[in-house]
Structures are given as C-alpha cells and as structure tokens.
C-alpha cells in the first residue's frame, strides 16, 4: 500500500510520524494532507535506509539537488562526491539525471549511499537503451521505470503531459523545447505521427508506481526555456493535461506532485503558482527555479534563488536548484554545494514569508547572538556554518589585532557596549 492509500485508510505510518516530528506538526493532520493529495512523502518500499521527507502544504519549503553524468563527463566517484556535498549542504532530496557511463551502477550506488529521497527521470535511460528517442516504445519505458522502482527510487519525473495536440503551439516559441524529456517525446510524436505513448500508457506506469510507492512527479516537458516564451499557450496546455493526470494518480492511490516552469519573469510567478494550485487541485508544486532572467550565465544559482523565494512565498512547495554552471556545463562538486546553499536561503526566505514560526525563530536567535557578539552561536544559526567559520578564521588570520569577529567597525562596533 502507498502512503496515500494508507493515509486514506486512516493509518499513520512510521514515515508520517517521522515527518510530523521533523515538521513539528500533528501526525494526524499530516495524514489528512497526504490523503487529500496536498502533501506527499516520497518513500519507495525498497529504500530501506531512508529518512523520509514531506513535501507540500503546511510543510517547510524543500530543496532538491540535481546530480548525474553526461555523455561527455561520466565518473562514478565524482557523482558520489556530489551526492555527499548536496546532502552535507542541506539538500532535502537529490535527483540522478545520469546520461553517460553505466547508469544502472551509478543509480544503485547513489541509492546505497543516500538517506534522503532520490528521484530519477526514467525516459533518459530508456532513450539510451532504445538507441535514440525515435526507437522508444511503451514497453521499453515501462521496463526501465520498473528497474528504477525496484532499485528504490522514491520519485520519478514522467513527462506524460506532453501530448500531440501541443506540438503546433511550439511554433510560436523562441526556444520550442528545453526539457530533454519533452524534446524526446515531441520528436517521437513527429516521427511516428502518433499520440505520446506516455500519455496513452499512463495507467501502466501507475501500476508500477503503486507497487513500489514511487511518487509521480509530473514533468513540465513544455516548460518555457526563456522569458520570451513564459506562460504561453504550450505551457498552459500542458498544465491542463497535468491536472487531468494528477487526478488519475489520486484515483489509483499514487502520490503525485507537479513540476513547474523554468524561465518566467517575476511578475508572472504568482500567477503560475496560482494556476498550478487551481488546475491540479493543490498538488505539491515543484519548480525549477524559476529563473526570472535569461542573461545571468555564471550566476544562474542566484537568479534561481530570487525566483525560488518568490515562488515559495506564493505557495510553491519544492524548489529545484540550479548551479552556477547552468546553461554552461556539467556542475562539479563545489557548484553543487553552492547551488544547494543559495536555494536553501530562498526556501528559508519563503518560509518566513509564509509565516512559519520555526523559521522566524531561527532568525531571532541569530539576531540575539549578534547582539551579544556570540560568534559560535552565529555560526550555529547560519544556513552555512562551515563557510561562516571559514570566513571568520580567515578574517582573524589576516588581522592579528582581532582574536575573533569582523574587522569592519573596530571600536565603533554598534554591539560593543
């Protein structure tokens, strides 16, 4: 039985109890939200050493870190280092997006090492094994999807909302498709002149998801990849299909969340969150960023955090980071760490705006530590204690006249009484 199925049967699972304790909410209240589809707990029955995470209404805004190989760069040890860096920096979940090397081995090793929920995009491996997107079949996709599910993957992106009816709408775009999964499906449908096999075979996907309790993350395969294409007909068409598919997930008692747009201007973020909540009946919203400008190459993690904070404030539940290398290259270990930290800042800002008391309390404790010049407490309350202590140590080393603290104000420090 899935977490959703158990919640609907008034059962409070051990995963619900754990999440409720972490979130400091009543376990029965959490159960009701899971039963109603307002929250999900991605927890594959085969992920034995999992520390469950709740995503959705009334819970802390969560952060995901994407890792994984490319066809050009593929090193298992590097991916394990990225996993460690993401988790130590505070990522709530990770996704393995590997496209190169032995993807089965990479996924299995990541699953062995990860206590946080792990997500994948099965169509990537299906394309590799089929020898190209044009050779894809539903059977091949289901084979790969079940392989991921057996290995313990907790949530999986499924681009079933990319349908044949939307293809003509892409002609108006500057960048027709930027989602790899979406591009694979559009190319397949154009070649075969058929409806998407993911859409037509969605019930078969749900059977596997239910068997292992894999949370379906309905992918935004037609998400805008630039500001010019934001909130256009193609994006909104897909969102309406995702609303239909989300209802089908709930009918089959499979947990579901909705993936949201990448590049949208700040003034359209609230509208996008509101539309997802209306059309998808308040399913948890998982956004890539969003990025409110296209020209911050090298700093897209900062752009992403700006958009993510606003999206979270308006009700987005789950923020996918990007790194400084977004749009440039495959990120390295330090890029992963930087991406997680800045997106955690965005999530915390969003939680304060949402009125979450524990988030506000942490800021208060930091302020009290600053007022008494308690540097060790300041480090403890900071979102990145490692970097705080590193900078503090460097400051003292370069300024021998101070034994602790900063060098900005000296004897004129406002907190020196």
Protein backbone atom coordinates (compact mmCIF):
# COMPACT_ATOMS: atom_id res chain seq x y z
CA UNK A 1 0.00 0.00 0.00
CA UNK A 2 1.19 3.51 -0.80
CA UNK A 3 1.48 6.33 1.72
CA UNK A 4 -1.60 7.85 0.07
CA UNK A 5 -3.57 4.64 0.32
CA UNK A 6 -2.68 4.15 3.97
CA UNK A 7 -3.48 7.78 4.78
CA UNK A 8 -6.90 7.40 3.14
CA UNK A 9 -7.47 4.35 5.36
CA UNK A 10 -6.73 6.43 8.48
CA UNK A 11 -3.35 4.79 9.05
CA UNK A 12 -0.48 6.90 10.37
CA UNK A 13 2.66 5.26 9.01
CA UNK A 14 6.11 5.39 10.56
CA UNK A 15 7.11 7.71 7.72
CA UNK A 16 4.27 10.08 8.58
CA UNK A 17 5.27 10.02 12.25
CA UNK A 18 8.88 10.83 11.38
CA UNK A 19 7.94 13.68 9.03
CA UNK A 20 5.45 15.10 11.54
CA UNK A 21 8.18 15.19 14.21
CA UNK A 22 10.61 16.93 11.84
CA UNK A 23 7.96 19.46 10.80
CA UNK A 24 6.64 19.94 14.35
CA UNK A 25 3.04 19.28 13.32
CA UNK A 26 0.36 16.82 14.40
CA UNK A 27 0.78 13.43 12.71
CA UNK A 28 -2.94 13.06 12.07
CA UNK A 29 -3.03 16.47 10.38
CA UNK A 30 -0.20 15.34 8.12
CA UNK A 31 -2.05 12.11 7.40
CA UNK A 32 -5.12 14.07 6.28
CA UNK A 33 -3.00 16.22 3.95
CA UNK A 34 -1.40 13.14 2.40
CA UNK A 35 -4.84 11.55 2.00
CA UNK A 36 -6.11 14.68 0.24
CA UNK A 37 -3.09 14.90 -2.05
CA UNK A 38 -1.94 18.18 -0.52
CA UNK A 39 1.33 16.62 0.63
CA UNK A 40 3.49 13.70 -0.44
CA UNK A 41 6.09 11.57 1.32
CA UNK A 42 8.30 10.03 -1.40
CA UNK A 43 9.27 6.71 0.21
CA UNK A 44 9.84 3.72 -2.05
CA UNK A 45 9.28 0.47 -0.16
CA UNK A 46 12.75 -0.67 -1.30
CA UNK A 47 14.65 2.38 0.01
CA UNK A 48 15.44 0.79 3.36
CA UNK A 49 17.69 3.41 5.00
CA UNK A 50 15.54 6.37 4.02
CA UNK A 51 14.95 9.37 6.25
CA UNK A 52 11.53 10.40 4.94
CA UNK A 53 10.79 13.94 3.77
CA UNK A 54 7.38 15.57 3.44
CA UNK A 55 6.63 17.94 0.57
CA UNK A 56 3.52 20.05 0.30
CA UNK A 57 1.01 22.27 2.03
CA UNK A 58 1.91 23.49 5.51
CA UNK A 59 5.38 21.90 5.42
CA UNK A 60 8.80 23.52 5.14
CA UNK A 61 9.77 24.51 1.61
CA UNK A 62 12.07 21.77 0.37
CA UNK A 63 15.15 21.89 -1.88
CA UNK A 64 16.26 19.36 -4.49
CA UNK A 65 19.74 18.99 -5.96
CA UNK A 66 20.24 17.51 -9.43
CA UNK A 67 23.36 15.44 -9.97
CA UNK A 68 24.35 12.89 -12.60
CA UNK A 69 26.66 12.21 -15.51
CA UNK A 70 26.59 13.42 -19.10
CA UNK A 71 27.58 11.57 -22.29
CA UNK A 72 30.78 13.65 -22.21
CA UNK A 73 31.59 13.59 -18.48
CA UNK A 74 30.99 10.39 -16.55
CA UNK A 75 32.70 9.41 -13.30
CA UNK A 76 31.01 7.41 -10.56
CA UNK A 77 33.26 8.66 -7.77
CA UNK A 78 32.57 12.26 -8.75
CA UNK A 79 28.83 11.63 -8.58
CA UNK A 80 29.20 10.10 -5.13
CA UNK A 81 31.13 13.21 -4.07
CA UNK A 82 28.34 15.38 -5.47
CA UNK A 83 25.80 13.36 -3.52
CA UNK A 84 27.78 13.85 -0.31
CA UNK A 85 28.21 17.57 -1.00
CA UNK A 86 24.49 18.05 -1.69
CA UNK A 87 23.41 16.25 1.47
CA UNK A 88 26.01 17.93 3.71
CA UNK A 89 24.89 21.32 2.34
CA UNK A 90 21.32 20.51 3.37
CA UNK A 91 19.54 19.26 0.24
CA UNK A 92 16.26 17.57 1.16
CA UNK A 93 16.31 15.32 -1.92
CA UNK A 94 18.57 14.54 -4.87
CA UNK A 95 17.84 13.54 -8.44
CA UNK A 96 20.11 11.35 -10.54
CA UNK A 97 19.91 12.64 -14.13
CA UNK A 98 22.72 10.46 -15.48
CA UNK A 99 23.05 10.16 -19.26
CA UNK A 100 26.53 8.68 -19.52
CA UNK A 101 28.52 5.75 -18.21
CA UNK A 102 26.97 2.75 -16.51
CA UNK A 103 23.73 4.41 -15.45
CA UNK A 104 22.49 1.30 -13.64
CA UNK A 105 25.60 1.14 -11.47
CA UNK A 106 25.56 4.88 -10.82
CA UNK A 107 21.92 4.81 -9.69
CA UNK A 108 22.40 1.76 -7.48
CA UNK A 109 25.47 3.22 -5.78
CA UNK A 110 23.72 6.54 -5.19
CA UNK A 111 20.74 4.69 -3.71
CA UNK A 112 23.07 2.76 -1.39
CA UNK A 113 24.65 5.97 -0.12
CA UNK A 114 21.62 8.27 0.07
CA UNK A 115 19.45 8.52 3.16
CA UNK A 116 17.45 11.34 1.52
CA UNK A 117 14.80 10.61 -1.12
CA UNK A 118 16.20 10.02 -4.61
CA UNK A 119 14.46 10.88 -7.86
CA UNK A 120 15.18 9.94 -11.48
CA UNK A 121 13.90 10.60 -15.00
CA UNK A 122 13.41 7.11 -16.46
CA UNK A 123 12.98 8.30 -20.05
CA UNK A 124 16.69 9.22 -20.11
CA UNK A 125 17.81 5.62 -19.66
CA UNK A 126 15.01 4.38 -21.91
CA UNK A 127 16.37 6.54 -24.74
CA UNK A 128 19.90 5.21 -24.17
CA UNK A 129 18.76 1.58 -24.20
CA UNK A 130 16.47 2.09 -27.20
CA UNK A 131 19.30 3.61 -29.23
CA UNK A 132 17.64 7.00 -29.60
CA UNK A 133 14.29 8.67 -28.90
CA UNK A 134 12.82 7.66 -32.24
CA UNK A 135 13.06 3.99 -31.19
CA UNK A 136 11.22 4.37 -27.89
CA UNK A 137 8.28 2.16 -27.03
CA UNK A 138 5.99 1.98 -24.05
CA UNK A 139 7.33 -1.47 -23.21
CA UNK A 140 10.93 -0.22 -23.09
CA UNK A 141 9.87 2.72 -20.95
CA UNK A 142 7.98 0.50 -18.50
CA UNK A 143 10.94 -1.87 -18.30
CA UNK A 144 13.25 0.97 -17.31
CA UNK A 145 10.70 2.57 -14.99
CA UNK A 146 10.29 -0.68 -13.07
CA UNK A 147 14.06 -1.13 -12.91
CA UNK A 148 14.34 2.27 -11.20
CA UNK A 149 11.44 1.42 -8.90
CA UNK A 150 12.99 -1.91 -7.88
CA UNK A 151 16.24 -0.13 -7.05
CA UNK A 152 14.40 2.07 -4.54
CA UNK A 153 13.89 5.34 -6.44
CA UNK A 154 11.45 7.42 -4.39
CA UNK A 155 10.08 9.79 -7.06
CA UNK A 156 10.26 9.82 -10.82
CA UNK A 157 9.66 12.52 -13.40
CA UNK A 158 7.14 11.38 -16.02
CA UNK A 159 6.52 13.72 -18.99
CA UNK A 160 3.06 12.31 -19.75
CA UNK A 161 1.60 15.80 -20.17
CA UNK A 162 3.43 16.36 -23.45
CA UNK A 163 0.74 15.46 -25.98
CA UNK A 164 0.39 15.62 -29.73
CA UNK A 165 -2.14 18.48 -29.51
CA UNK A 166 0.50 20.85 -28.12
CA UNK A 167 3.09 20.45 -30.88
CA UNK A 168 1.64 23.14 -33.14
CA UNK A 169 1.76 25.59 -30.23
CA UNK A 170 5.54 25.33 -30.11
CA UNK A 171 5.94 27.05 -33.48
CA UNK A 172 5.47 30.45 -31.86
CA UNK A 173 8.35 29.96 -29.42
CA UNK A 174 11.90 31.30 -29.48
CA UNK A 175 13.05 28.03 -27.88
CA UNK A 176 10.47 25.35 -28.68
CA UNK A 177 11.54 22.74 -26.07
CA UNK A 178 14.32 22.84 -23.47
CA UNK A 179 13.29 19.82 -21.42
CA UNK A 180 15.22 16.75 -22.57
CA UNK A 181 12.23 14.50 -21.82
CA UNK A 182 9.87 16.88 -23.57
CA UNK A 183 12.14 17.09 -26.61
CA UNK A 184 12.40 13.29 -26.83
CA UNK A 185 8.62 12.95 -26.86
CA UNK A 186 7.96 15.78 -29.32
CA UNK A 187 10.50 14.28 -31.74
CA UNK A 188 8.96 10.81 -31.29
CA UNK A 189 5.44 12.05 -31.97
CA UNK A 190 6.55 13.98 -35.05
CA UNK A 191 8.32 10.95 -36.46
CA UNK A 192 5.56 8.44 -35.76
CA UNK A 193 2.59 10.82 -36.09
CA UNK A 194 1.04 9.26 -33.01
CA UNK A 195 -0.09 10.33 -29.56
CA UNK A 196 2.52 10.12 -26.81
CA UNK A 197 2.98 6.58 -25.53
CA UNK A 198 3.45 8.01 -22.02
CA UNK A 199 0.04 9.65 -22.14
CA UNK A 200 -1.69 6.64 -23.65
CA UNK A 201 0.10 4.19 -21.36
CA UNK A 202 -0.19 6.23 -18.19
CA UNK A 203 -2.26 3.63 -16.35
CA UNK A 204 0.52 1.08 -16.87
CA UNK A 205 3.01 3.49 -15.35
CA UNK A 206 0.72 3.96 -12.36
CA UNK A 207 0.56 0.22 -11.75
CA UNK A 208 4.34 0.11 -11.27
CA UNK A 209 4.35 3.31 -9.21
CA UNK A 210 1.72 1.93 -6.87
CA UNK A 211 3.52 -1.41 -6.49
CA UNK A 212 6.66 0.25 -5.13
CA UNK A 213 5.12 3.52 -3.86
CA UNK A 214 7.04 5.69 -6.29
CA UNK A 215 5.77 9.26 -6.17
CA UNK A 216 4.98 10.52 -9.67
CA UNK A 217 6.48 13.92 -10.43
CA UNK A 218 4.54 15.05 -13.48
CA UNK A 219 7.19 16.69 -15.63
CA UNK A 220 6.87 20.04 -17.34
CA UNK A 221 8.24 18.89 -20.68
CA UNK A 222 7.00 22.08 -22.36
CA UNK A 223 8.30 24.47 -19.71
CA UNK A 224 9.49 27.81 -21.08
CA UNK A 225 13.26 27.96 -21.51
CA UNK A 226 13.38 31.74 -21.89
CA UNK A 227 11.47 34.77 -20.66
CA UNK A 228 10.02 35.38 -24.13
CA UNK A 229 8.13 32.05 -24.01
CA UNK A 230 6.85 32.33 -20.43
CA UNK A 231 3.25 31.43 -19.58
CA UNK A 232 2.38 30.79 -23.22
CA UNK A 233 -0.23 28.54 -24.81
CA UNK A 234 2.02 25.48 -24.92
CA UNK A 235 2.90 25.71 -21.24
CA UNK A 236 -0.71 26.22 -20.18
CA UNK A 237 -1.94 23.41 -22.44
CA UNK A 238 0.44 21.01 -20.75
CA UNK A 239 -0.57 22.24 -17.29
CA UNK A 240 -4.21 21.40 -18.02
CA UNK A 241 -3.20 17.88 -19.06
CA UNK A 242 -1.16 17.57 -15.87
CA UNK A 243 -4.29 18.42 -13.89
CA UNK A 244 -6.08 15.51 -15.54
CA UNK A 245 -3.13 13.16 -14.92
CA UNK A 246 -2.85 14.23 -11.28
CA UNK A 247 -6.49 13.25 -10.77
CA UNK A 248 -5.77 9.86 -12.33
CA UNK A 249 -2.83 9.38 -9.96
CA UNK A 250 -5.03 10.03 -6.95
CA UNK A 251 -7.73 7.70 -8.26
CA UNK A 252 -5.12 4.93 -8.39
CA UNK A 253 -3.81 5.97 -4.92
CA UNK A 254 -0.43 7.00 -6.26
CA UNK A 255 1.25 10.05 -4.74
CA UNK A 256 1.76 12.91 -7.19
CA UNK A 257 3.38 16.32 -7.46
CA UNK A 258 3.57 18.77 -10.35
CA UNK A 259 6.71 20.22 -11.91
CA UNK A 260 6.66 23.88 -12.82
CA UNK A 261 8.21 26.33 -15.25
CA UNK A 262 11.86 27.27 -15.60
CA UNK A 263 12.15 30.79 -17.04
CA UNK A 264 9.38 33.23 -16.09
CA UNK A 265 9.55 36.92 -15.12
CA UNK A 266 8.98 37.91 -11.51
CA UNK A 267 5.61 39.49 -12.24
CA UNK A 268 4.26 36.16 -13.58
CA UNK A 269 5.45 33.89 -10.76
CA UNK A 270 2.39 34.37 -8.54
CA UNK A 271 0.08 33.69 -11.50
CA UNK A 272 1.94 30.47 -12.34
CA UNK A 273 1.73 29.15 -8.79
CA UNK A 274 -1.95 30.05 -8.54
CA UNK A 275 -2.74 28.33 -11.84
CA UNK A 276 -1.00 25.12 -10.79
CA UNK A 277 -2.85 25.04 -7.48
CA UNK A 278 -6.20 25.64 -9.18
CA UNK A 279 -5.79 23.25 -12.11
CA UNK A 280 -4.05 20.47 -10.17
CA UNK A 281 -6.22 20.67 -7.04
CA UNK A 282 -3.45 21.93 -4.75
CA UNK A 283 -0.99 19.14 -5.56
CA UNK A 284 2.54 19.93 -4.30
CA UNK A 285 4.29 22.25 -6.77
CA UNK A 286 7.92 21.51 -7.70
CA UNK A 287 9.56 24.40 -9.56
CA UNK A 288 12.89 24.64 -11.40
CA UNK A 289 13.93 27.99 -10.01
CA UNK A 290 12.12 29.70 -11.56
CA UNK A 291 14.68 31.91 -13.30
CA UNK A 292 13.37 35.47 -13.82
CA UNK A 293 16.06 36.50 -16.34
CA UNK A 294 17.95 34.77 -19.15
CA UNK A 295 21.23 36.73 -19.02
CA UNK A 296 22.81 35.70 -15.71
CA UNK A 297 25.04 32.95 -17.10
CA UNK A 298 27.56 32.01 -14.42
CA UNK A 299 25.23 33.32 -11.72
CA UNK A 300 22.07 31.39 -12.50
CA UNK A 301 22.08 29.94 -8.99
CA UNK A 302 21.49 33.47 -7.71
CA UNK A 303 18.79 34.13 -10.31
CA UNK A 304 17.19 30.83 -9.37
CA UNK A 305 17.15 31.75 -5.68
CA UNK A 306 15.47 35.08 -6.39
CA UNK A 307 12.70 33.39 -8.36
CA UNK A 308 12.51 30.48 -5.92
CA UNK A 309 11.99 32.72 -2.91
CA UNK A 310 9.08 34.47 -4.61
CA UNK A 311 7.57 31.22 -5.86
CA UNK A 312 7.85 29.71 -2.40
CA UNK A 313 6.22 32.75 -0.82
CA UNK A 314 3.24 32.33 -3.15
CA UNK A 315 2.86 28.64 -2.39
CA UNK A 316 5.42 26.56 -4.29
CA UNK A 317 6.40 23.62 -2.09
CA UNK A 318 9.60 22.25 -3.60
CA UNK A 319 12.46 24.20 -5.19
CA UNK A 320 14.89 22.59 -7.61
CA UNK A 321 18.25 24.29 -7.52
CA UNK A 322 20.40 25.23 -10.45
CA UNK A 323 24.14 25.75 -10.15
CA UNK A 324 26.47 28.49 -11.42
CA UNK A 325 27.18 26.18 -14.38
CA UNK A 326 23.54 26.05 -15.56
CA UNK A 327 23.47 26.69 -19.33
CA UNK A 328 27.28 26.29 -19.45
CA UNK A 329 28.46 22.84 -18.39
CA UNK A 330 28.02 19.89 -16.07
CA UNK A 331 28.45 21.15 -12.47
CA UNK A 332 31.31 19.99 -10.28
CA UNK A 333 31.23 19.26 -6.55
CA UNK A 334 31.67 22.89 -5.47
CA UNK A 335 28.94 24.01 -7.89
CA UNK A 336 26.54 21.50 -6.32
CA UNK A 337 27.30 22.80 -2.85
CA UNK A 338 26.86 26.44 -3.89
CA UNK A 339 23.58 25.65 -5.64
CA UNK A 340 22.13 23.93 -2.59
CA UNK A 341 23.12 26.71 -0.18
CA UNK A 342 21.64 29.56 -2.21
CA UNK A 343 18.41 27.64 -2.81
CA UNK A 344 18.16 26.82 0.89
CA UNK A 345 18.39 30.55 1.52
CA UNK A 346 15.49 31.05 -0.90
CA UNK A 347 13.45 28.32 0.80
CA UNK A 348 14.06 29.85 4.23
CA UNK A 349 13.06 33.31 2.98
CA UNK A 350 9.88 31.77 1.57
CA UNK A 351 9.10 30.03 4.86
CA UNK A 352 9.44 33.31 6.77
CA UNK A 353 7.06 34.93 4.29
CA UNK A 354 4.64 32.03 4.76
CA UNK A 355 4.66 32.77 8.50
CA UNK A 356 6.44 29.60 9.57
CA UNK A 357 7.28 30.21 13.23
CA UNK A 358 10.33 27.93 13.47
CA UNK A 359 11.94 29.81 10.57
CA UNK A 360 11.24 33.17 12.15
CA UNK A 361 12.58 31.89 15.47
CA UNK A 362 15.88 30.90 13.90
CA UNK A 363 16.32 34.45 12.59
CA UNK A 364 15.52 35.80 16.05
CA UNK A 365 18.12 33.55 17.65
CA UNK A 366 20.70 34.71 15.11
CA UNK A 367 19.92 38.35 15.92
CA UNK A 368 20.24 37.71 19.65
CA UNK A 369 23.62 36.03 19.07
CA UNK A 370 24.76 39.07 17.05
CA UNK A 371 23.63 41.45 19.77
CA UNK A 372 25.90 39.71 22.28
CA UNK A 373 28.72 39.12 19.76
CA UNK A 374 28.49 35.35 20.23
CA UNK A 375 30.32 34.21 17.12
CA UNK A 376 29.99 30.50 17.80
CA UNK A 377 26.21 30.79 18.18
CA UNK A 378 26.06 32.89 14.99
CA UNK A 379 27.81 30.06 13.16
CA UNK A 380 25.35 27.52 14.55
CA UNK A 381 22.30 29.51 13.45
CA UNK A 382 23.65 30.35 9.98
CA UNK A 383 22.48 28.33 6.99
CA UNK A 384 26.11 27.53 6.14
CA UNK A 385 28.10 27.13 9.38
CA UNK A 386 31.09 25.70 7.51
CA UNK A 387 31.55 28.81 5.37
CA UNK A 388 30.80 31.14 8.30
CA UNK A 389 33.59 29.59 10.38
CA UNK A 390 35.94 29.55 7.38
CA UNK A 391 35.44 33.27 6.73
CA UNK A 392 35.80 34.08 10.41
CA UNK A 393 39.07 32.16 10.63
CA UNK A 394 40.44 33.91 7.55
CA UNK A 395 39.45 37.29 9.00
CA UNK A 396 41.31 36.68 12.24
CA UNK A 397 44.33 35.29 10.42
CA UNK A 398 44.63 38.35 8.16
CA UNK A 399 44.05 40.79 11.04
CA UNK A 400 46.21 39.71 14.02
CA UNK A 401 44.89 42.56 16.13
CA UNK A 402 41.50 40.83 16.46
CA UNK A 403 41.07 37.48 18.14
CA UNK A 404 37.51 36.96 16.92
CA UNK A 405 34.83 38.69 14.94
CA UNK A 406 34.98 41.03 11.98
CA UNK A 407 37.25 43.97 11.17
CA UNK A 408 34.65 46.33 9.76
CA UNK A 409 33.96 48.72 12.64
CA UNK A 410 36.64 48.07 15.27
CA UNK A 411 35.99 50.06 18.43
CA UNK A 412 32.96 51.66 16.74
CA UNK A 413 31.04 48.39 16.55
CA UNK A 414 27.40 49.08 17.40
CA UNK A 415 27.16 45.92 19.52
CA UNK A 416 30.14 46.68 21.77
CA UNK A 417 28.52 48.07 24.90
